Amino acid sequence: MSIFEILAEQHIADAIRRGELDNLPGAGRPLVFDDELFVSGEQRMINRVLKNAGFTPPEVRLRKELADLREALARNPDDEQRTLLQRELNMVLLRLGALRRH
């Protein structure tokens, strides 16, 4: 942790102890993070239409497949099965790399 992060954490902890962060608007409610904060309004609308139509970008599908394969590798003790999973994982990584280059 950097000195800046340590100082920031100390200031936040001090403010909490003094009650300066009590009764803030939105207290107790989850934060809403806008994934498209820096995306234009037009692109945001296009993304919403595609999402509502069930479209998943190829990169997202490949990343999901990658995560599933890594999870399967982690829980599978069989060496032969792990070898097959590793080959499949490598193929997905290659496809993902090729997709990024285009």
N, C-alpha and C. Protein backbone atom coordinates (compact mmCIF):
# COMPACT_ATOMS: atom_id res chain seq x y z
N MET A 1 0.85 -1.17 0.00
CA MET A 1 0.00 0.00 0.00
C MET A 1 0.90 1.24 0.00
N SER A 2 0.57 2.19 -0.86
CA SER A 2 1.39 3.40 -0.96
C SER A 2 1.11 4.33 0.22
N ILE A 3 1.99 5.29 0.43
CA ILE A 3 1.82 6.25 1.51
C ILE A 3 0.54 7.05 1.31
N PHE A 4 0.21 7.35 0.06
CA PHE A 4 -1.03 8.08 -0.24
C PHE A 4 -2.25 7.27 0.21
N GLU A 5 -2.26 5.98 -0.10
CA GLU A 5 -3.38 5.12 0.29
C GLU A 5 -3.48 5.01 1.80
N ILE A 6 -2.35 4.90 2.48
CA ILE A 6 -2.34 4.81 3.94
C ILE A 6 -2.92 6.09 4.55
N LEU A 7 -2.47 7.25 4.05
CA LEU A 7 -2.98 8.52 4.56
C LEU A 7 -4.48 8.67 4.29
N ALA A 8 -4.91 8.28 3.11
CA ALA A 8 -6.33 8.37 2.78
C ALA A 8 -7.15 7.49 3.72
N GLU A 9 -6.69 6.27 3.95
CA GLU A 9 -7.39 5.36 4.87
C GLU A 9 -7.45 5.94 6.28
N GLN A 10 -6.37 6.56 6.73
CA GLN A 10 -6.36 7.17 8.07
C GLN A 10 -7.36 8.32 8.15
N HIS A 11 -7.41 9.15 7.13
CA HIS A 11 -8.36 10.27 7.12
C HIS A 11 -9.80 9.76 7.12
N ILE A 12 -10.06 8.73 6.36
CA ILE A 12 -11.41 8.15 6.32
C ILE A 12 -11.77 7.57 7.69
N ALA A 13 -10.85 6.82 8.29
CA ALA A 13 -11.10 6.23 9.61
C ALA A 13 -11.35 7.32 10.65
N ASP A 14 -10.58 8.41 10.60
CA ASP A 14 -10.78 9.53 11.54
C ASP A 14 -12.16 10.15 11.34
N ALA A 15 -12.55 10.36 10.10
CA ALA A 15 -13.86 10.96 9.80
C ALA A 15 -14.99 10.06 10.29
N ILE A 16 -14.82 8.75 10.15
CA ILE A 16 -15.83 7.80 10.64
C ILE A 16 -15.94 7.90 12.15
N ARG A 17 -14.80 7.94 12.84
CA ARG A 17 -14.81 8.03 14.31
C ARG A 17 -15.48 9.32 14.79
N ARG A 18 -15.28 10.40 14.06
CA ARG A 18 -15.87 11.68 14.44
C ARG A 18 -17.33 11.78 14.02
N GLY A 19 -17.82 10.80 13.26
CA GLY A 19 -19.22 10.80 12.83
C GLY A 19 -19.49 11.68 11.63
N GLU A 20 -18.45 12.12 10.95
CA GLU A 20 -18.63 13.01 9.81
C GLU A 20 -19.24 12.31 8.59
N LEU A 21 -19.23 11.01 8.60
CA LEU A 21 -19.77 10.27 7.46
C LEU A 21 -21.14 9.66 7.78
N ASP A 22 -21.69 10.00 8.95
CA ASP A 22 -23.02 9.51 9.32
C ASP A 22 -24.08 10.30 8.55
N ASN A 23 -25.18 9.67 8.29
CA ASN A 23 -26.35 10.31 7.68
C ASN A 23 -26.07 10.94 6.31
N LEU A 24 -25.20 10.33 5.55
CA LEU A 24 -24.96 10.80 4.19
C LEU A 24 -26.10 10.34 3.28
N PRO A 25 -26.40 11.08 2.22
CA PRO A 25 -27.43 10.63 1.29
C PRO A 25 -27.05 9.27 0.71
N GLY A 26 -27.99 8.37 0.67
CA GLY A 26 -27.73 7.04 0.12
C GLY A 26 -27.14 6.07 1.12
N ALA A 27 -27.01 6.47 2.37
CA ALA A 27 -26.43 5.59 3.39
C ALA A 27 -27.25 4.30 3.49
N GLY A 28 -26.57 3.19 3.53
CA GLY A 28 -27.24 1.89 3.66
C GLY A 28 -27.70 1.29 2.35
N ARG A 29 -27.58 2.03 1.27
CA ARG A 29 -27.97 1.50 -0.04
C ARG A 29 -26.72 1.13 -0.83
N PRO A 30 -26.82 0.10 -1.67
CA PRO A 30 -25.64 -0.29 -2.45
C PRO A 30 -25.27 0.78 -3.47
N LEU A 31 -23.99 0.86 -3.76
CA LEU A 31 -23.52 1.78 -4.78
C LEU A 31 -23.90 1.25 -6.16
N VAL A 32 -24.25 2.12 -7.05
CA VAL A 32 -24.57 1.73 -8.42
C VAL A 32 -23.42 2.21 -9.30
N PHE A 33 -22.74 1.27 -9.92
CA PHE A 33 -21.62 1.60 -10.79
C PHE A 33 -22.10 1.58 -12.23
N ASP A 34 -21.88 2.65 -12.93
CA ASP A 34 -22.26 2.74 -14.33
C ASP A 34 -21.10 2.22 -15.17
N ASP A 35 -21.30 1.05 -15.79
CA ASP A 35 -20.25 0.43 -16.60
C ASP A 35 -19.91 1.27 -17.83
N GLU A 36 -20.84 2.11 -18.24
CA GLU A 36 -20.65 2.87 -19.47
C GLU A 36 -20.48 4.35 -19.19
N LEU A 37 -19.76 4.67 -18.14
CA LEU A 37 -19.59 6.05 -17.72
C LEU A 37 -18.96 6.91 -18.81
N PHE A 38 -18.00 6.37 -19.54
CA PHE A 38 -17.28 7.14 -20.54
C PHE A 38 -17.70 6.79 -21.97
N VAL A 39 -18.90 6.24 -22.11
CA VAL A 39 -19.40 5.84 -23.43
C VAL A 39 -20.43 6.89 -23.88
N SER A 40 -20.40 7.21 -25.15
CA SER A 40 -21.34 8.21 -25.68
C SER A 40 -22.78 7.71 -25.55
N GLY A 41 -23.72 8.64 -25.58
CA GLY A 41 -25.14 8.29 -25.49
C GLY A 41 -25.57 7.36 -26.60
N GLU A 42 -25.08 7.62 -27.82
CA GLU A 42 -25.42 6.76 -28.96
C GLU A 42 -24.93 5.34 -28.75
N GLN A 43 -23.68 5.20 -28.31
CA GLN A 43 -23.12 3.87 -28.09
C GLN A 43 -23.84 3.16 -26.95
N ARG A 44 -24.21 3.91 -25.93
CA ARG A 44 -24.95 3.34 -24.79
C ARG A 44 -26.29 2.77 -25.27
N MET A 45 -26.97 3.50 -26.16
CA MET A 45 -28.25 3.04 -26.69
C MET A 45 -28.06 1.78 -27.53
N ILE A 46 -27.03 1.78 -28.36
CA ILE A 46 -26.74 0.60 -29.18
C ILE A 46 -26.45 -0.60 -28.28
N ASN A 47 -25.64 -0.39 -27.25
CA ASN A 47 -25.32 -1.48 -26.32
C ASN A 47 -26.57 -2.02 -25.65
N ARG A 48 -27.49 -1.13 -25.27
CA ARG A 48 -28.72 -1.56 -24.60
C ARG A 48 -29.58 -2.39 -25.54
N VAL A 49 -29.70 -1.96 -26.80
CA VAL A 49 -30.49 -2.71 -27.78
C VAL A 49 -29.89 -4.10 -27.99
N LEU A 50 -28.58 -4.16 -28.16
CA LEU A 50 -27.92 -5.45 -28.36
C LEU A 50 -28.10 -6.36 -27.15
N LYS A 51 -27.96 -5.79 -25.95
CA LYS A 51 -28.12 -6.57 -24.73
C LYS A 51 -29.54 -7.11 -24.61
N ASN A 52 -30.53 -6.26 -24.89
CA ASN A 52 -31.93 -6.68 -24.81
C ASN A 52 -32.26 -7.75 -25.85
N ALA A 53 -31.52 -7.76 -26.96
CA ALA A 53 -31.73 -8.76 -28.00
C ALA A 53 -30.99 -10.06 -27.70
N GLY A 54 -30.25 -10.08 -26.58
CA GLY A 54 -29.55 -11.30 -26.20
C GLY A 54 -28.18 -11.46 -26.84
N PHE A 55 -27.67 -10.40 -27.46
CA PHE A 55 -26.36 -10.47 -28.11
C PHE A 55 -25.26 -10.40 -27.06
N THR A 56 -24.31 -11.30 -27.19
CA THR A 56 -23.12 -11.27 -26.34
C THR A 56 -21.91 -11.14 -27.24
N PRO A 57 -21.08 -10.12 -27.03
CA PRO A 57 -19.89 -9.96 -27.87
C PRO A 57 -18.98 -11.18 -27.78
N PRO A 58 -18.30 -11.51 -28.89
CA PRO A 58 -17.43 -12.69 -28.90
C PRO A 58 -16.39 -12.67 -27.78
N GLU A 59 -15.81 -11.52 -27.49
CA GLU A 59 -14.79 -11.45 -26.43
C GLU A 59 -15.38 -11.82 -25.07
N VAL A 60 -16.60 -11.39 -24.82
CA VAL A 60 -17.25 -11.72 -23.54
C VAL A 60 -17.52 -13.22 -23.46
N ARG A 61 -18.00 -13.80 -24.57
CA ARG A 61 -18.25 -15.25 -24.59
C ARG A 61 -16.95 -16.03 -24.33
N LEU A 62 -15.86 -15.60 -24.99
CA LEU A 62 -14.59 -16.30 -24.82
C LEU A 62 -14.06 -16.15 -23.40
N ARG A 63 -14.22 -14.97 -22.81
CA ARG A 63 -13.77 -14.77 -21.43
C ARG A 63 -14.56 -15.66 -20.46
N LYS A 64 -15.86 -15.82 -20.71
CA LYS A 64 -16.69 -16.70 -19.88
C LYS A 64 -16.23 -18.14 -20.03
N GLU A 65 -15.98 -18.53 -21.26
CA GLU A 65 -15.49 -19.89 -21.53
C GLU A 65 -14.15 -20.12 -20.84
N LEU A 66 -13.29 -19.13 -20.88
CA LEU A 66 -11.98 -19.19 -20.22
C LEU A 66 -12.14 -19.39 -18.71
N ALA A 67 -13.02 -18.61 -18.10
CA ALA A 67 -13.26 -18.72 -16.65
C ALA A 67 -13.80 -20.10 -16.30
N ASP A 68 -14.73 -20.61 -17.12
CA ASP A 68 -15.29 -21.94 -16.88
C ASP A 68 -14.22 -23.02 -16.98
N LEU A 69 -13.35 -22.91 -17.98
CA LEU A 69 -12.28 -23.90 -18.15
C LEU A 69 -11.29 -23.85 -17.00
N ARG A 70 -10.95 -22.66 -16.55
CA ARG A 70 -10.03 -22.53 -15.41
C ARG A 70 -10.63 -23.14 -14.16
N GLU A 71 -11.92 -22.92 -13.97
CA GLU A 71 -12.60 -23.51 -12.81
C GLU A 71 -12.61 -25.03 -12.91
N ALA A 72 -12.89 -25.55 -14.10
CA ALA A 72 -12.90 -27.00 -14.30
C ALA A 72 -11.51 -27.59 -14.06
N LEU A 73 -10.48 -26.88 -14.51
CA LEU A 73 -9.10 -27.33 -14.28
C LEU A 73 -8.79 -27.38 -12.79
N ALA A 74 -9.24 -26.39 -12.06
CA ALA A 74 -8.94 -26.31 -10.63
C ALA A 74 -9.60 -27.43 -9.84
N ARG A 75 -10.78 -27.89 -10.29
CA ARG A 75 -11.45 -28.92 -9.50
C ARG A 75 -11.27 -30.34 -10.05
N ASN A 76 -10.57 -30.51 -11.15
CA ASN A 76 -10.44 -31.83 -11.75
C ASN A 76 -9.09 -32.46 -11.42
N PRO A 77 -9.09 -33.57 -10.66
CA PRO A 77 -7.83 -34.21 -10.27
C PRO A 77 -7.25 -35.16 -11.34
N ASP A 78 -8.07 -35.56 -12.31
CA ASP A 78 -7.65 -36.53 -13.31
C ASP A 78 -6.68 -35.89 -14.30
N ASP A 79 -5.46 -36.43 -14.37
CA ASP A 79 -4.42 -35.85 -15.23
C ASP A 79 -4.80 -35.85 -16.71
N GLU A 80 -5.41 -36.94 -17.17
CA GLU A 80 -5.79 -37.02 -18.57
C GLU A 80 -6.85 -35.96 -18.90
N GLN A 81 -7.83 -35.84 -18.03
CA GLN A 81 -8.88 -34.84 -18.23
C GLN A 81 -8.31 -33.42 -18.15
N ARG A 82 -7.37 -33.23 -17.22
CA ARG A 82 -6.73 -31.91 -17.07
C ARG A 82 -5.96 -31.53 -18.34
N THR A 83 -5.32 -32.52 -18.96
CA THR A 83 -4.58 -32.27 -20.20
C THR A 83 -5.53 -31.81 -21.31
N LEU A 84 -6.68 -32.48 -21.41
CA LEU A 84 -7.67 -32.08 -22.42
C LEU A 84 -8.21 -30.68 -22.14
N LEU A 85 -8.49 -30.41 -20.87
CA LEU A 85 -8.99 -29.09 -20.49
C LEU A 85 -7.95 -28.00 -20.77
N GLN A 86 -6.68 -28.32 -20.51
CA GLN A 86 -5.60 -27.35 -20.75
C GLN A 86 -5.47 -27.05 -22.24
N ARG A 87 -5.60 -28.09 -23.08
CA ARG A 87 -5.55 -27.88 -24.53
C ARG A 87 -6.70 -26.97 -24.98
N GLU A 88 -7.89 -27.26 -24.45
CA GLU A 88 -9.05 -26.44 -24.80
C GLU A 88 -8.86 -25.00 -24.33
N LEU A 89 -8.31 -24.83 -23.13
CA LEU A 89 -8.04 -23.50 -22.59
C LEU A 89 -7.05 -22.76 -23.49
N ASN A 90 -6.01 -23.45 -23.94
CA ASN A 90 -5.03 -22.83 -24.83
C ASN A 90 -5.66 -22.38 -26.15
N MET A 91 -6.58 -23.20 -26.67
CA MET A 91 -7.27 -22.84 -27.92
C MET A 91 -8.13 -21.58 -27.72
N VAL A 92 -8.81 -21.50 -26.58
CA VAL A 92 -9.63 -20.32 -26.29
C VAL A 92 -8.73 -19.09 -26.16
N LEU A 93 -7.58 -19.25 -25.52
CA LEU A 93 -6.64 -18.13 -25.40
C LEU A 93 -6.15 -17.66 -26.77
N LEU A 94 -5.89 -18.61 -27.66
CA LEU A 94 -5.47 -18.25 -29.02
C LEU A 94 -6.57 -17.50 -29.76
N ARG A 95 -7.81 -17.99 -29.63
CA ARG A 95 -8.94 -17.31 -30.29
C ARG A 95 -9.13 -15.90 -29.73
N LEU A 96 -8.98 -15.77 -28.42
CA LEU A 96 -9.13 -14.46 -27.79
C LEU A 96 -8.02 -13.52 -28.26
N GLY A 97 -6.80 -14.03 -28.36
CA GLY A 97 -5.69 -13.21 -28.85
C GLY A 97 -5.90 -12.79 -30.29
N ALA A 98 -6.39 -13.70 -31.12
CA ALA A 98 -6.66 -13.38 -32.53
C ALA A 98 -7.76 -12.34 -32.64
N LEU A 99 -8.75 -12.44 -31.80
CA LEU A 99 -9.86 -11.49 -31.81
C LEU A 99 -9.38 -10.09 -31.44
N ARG A 100 -8.47 -10.01 -30.50
CA ARG A 100 -7.94 -8.71 -30.07
C ARG A 100 -7.07 -8.06 -31.14
N ARG A 101 -6.41 -8.88 -31.96
CA ARG A 101 -5.53 -8.33 -33.00
C ARG A 101 -6.31 -7.73 -34.15
N HIS A 102 -7.56 -8.16 -34.33
CA HIS A 102 -8.35 -7.67 -35.48
C HIS A 102 -9.14 -6.48 -35.12
